[in-house]
Protein backbone atom coordinates (compact mmCIF):
# COMPACT_ATOMS: atom_id res chain seq x y z
CA MET A 1 140.61 95.49 234.31
CA ASN A 2 144.06 97.00 232.09
CA TRP A 3 142.69 101.05 233.43
CA GLY A 4 144.66 102.31 230.53
CA GLU A 5 143.25 100.28 227.55
CA GLU A 6 139.62 101.54 228.97
CA LEU A 7 140.23 105.17 229.42
CA ARG A 8 142.31 104.88 225.61
CA LYS A 9 139.16 103.53 224.46
CA PHE A 10 136.82 105.75 226.28
CA VAL A 11 139.04 108.99 224.83
CA GLU A 12 138.68 107.57 220.91
CA GLU A 13 135.48 107.12 221.48
CA LYS A 14 134.87 110.47 222.56
CA ILE A 15 136.92 111.89 220.25
CA ARG A 16 134.69 110.37 217.25
CA GLU A 17 131.51 111.67 218.86
CA LEU A 18 132.91 114.97 219.47
CA GLU A 19 134.21 114.94 215.35
CA ALA A 20 130.88 113.84 214.07
CA GLU A 21 129.05 116.28 215.46
CA GLU A 22 131.25 119.13 214.21
CA ASN A 23 131.17 117.03 211.03
CA MET A 24 127.31 117.47 211.43
CA GLY A 25 126.99 121.01 212.60
CA LYS A 26 129.29 121.88 209.50
CA VAL A 27 126.82 119.71 207.00
CA VAL A 28 124.00 121.74 208.54
CA GLU A 29 125.63 124.98 207.63
CA GLU A 30 126.20 124.39 204.69
CA LEU A 31 122.64 122.95 203.42
CA GLU A 32 121.31 126.33 205.31
CA SER A 33 123.58 128.32 202.89
CA LEU A 34 122.53 127.21 200.25
CA ASP A 35 119.66 129.08 198.16
CA VAL A 36 117.62 126.20 196.98
CA GLU A 37 113.06 126.69 196.11
CA VAL A 38 110.66 124.08 196.42
CA PRO A 39 107.62 124.82 194.38
CA ALA A 40 104.35 124.55 196.89
CA GLY A 41 102.63 121.92 196.56
CA PHE A 42 105.34 119.58 196.07
CA SER A 43 105.95 117.27 198.70
CA GLN A 44 101.88 117.12 198.56
CA THR A 45 102.70 115.94 194.74
CA SER A 46 105.31 113.79 195.35
CA ILE A 47 103.20 112.07 197.98
CA LYS A 48 100.65 111.66 196.00
CA GLU A 49 102.73 109.95 193.16
CA ASP A 50 104.52 108.00 195.46
CA ARG A 51 100.88 106.27 196.99
CA ASP A 52 99.68 105.91 193.17
CA ARG A 53 102.24 103.51 192.15
CA ASP A 54 100.59 100.54 193.93
């Protein structure tokens, strides 16, 4: 077993995970800062329209 290679792979994967987590946090913050309003009943109407297509 090549411990140096295994350690390098582990560290690279951990860095990717941490960067992904950080990026997801930034996306969530950005989405939460948007002022978006959804009309009352929008979800119900959308689901009904989708079901009625068949």
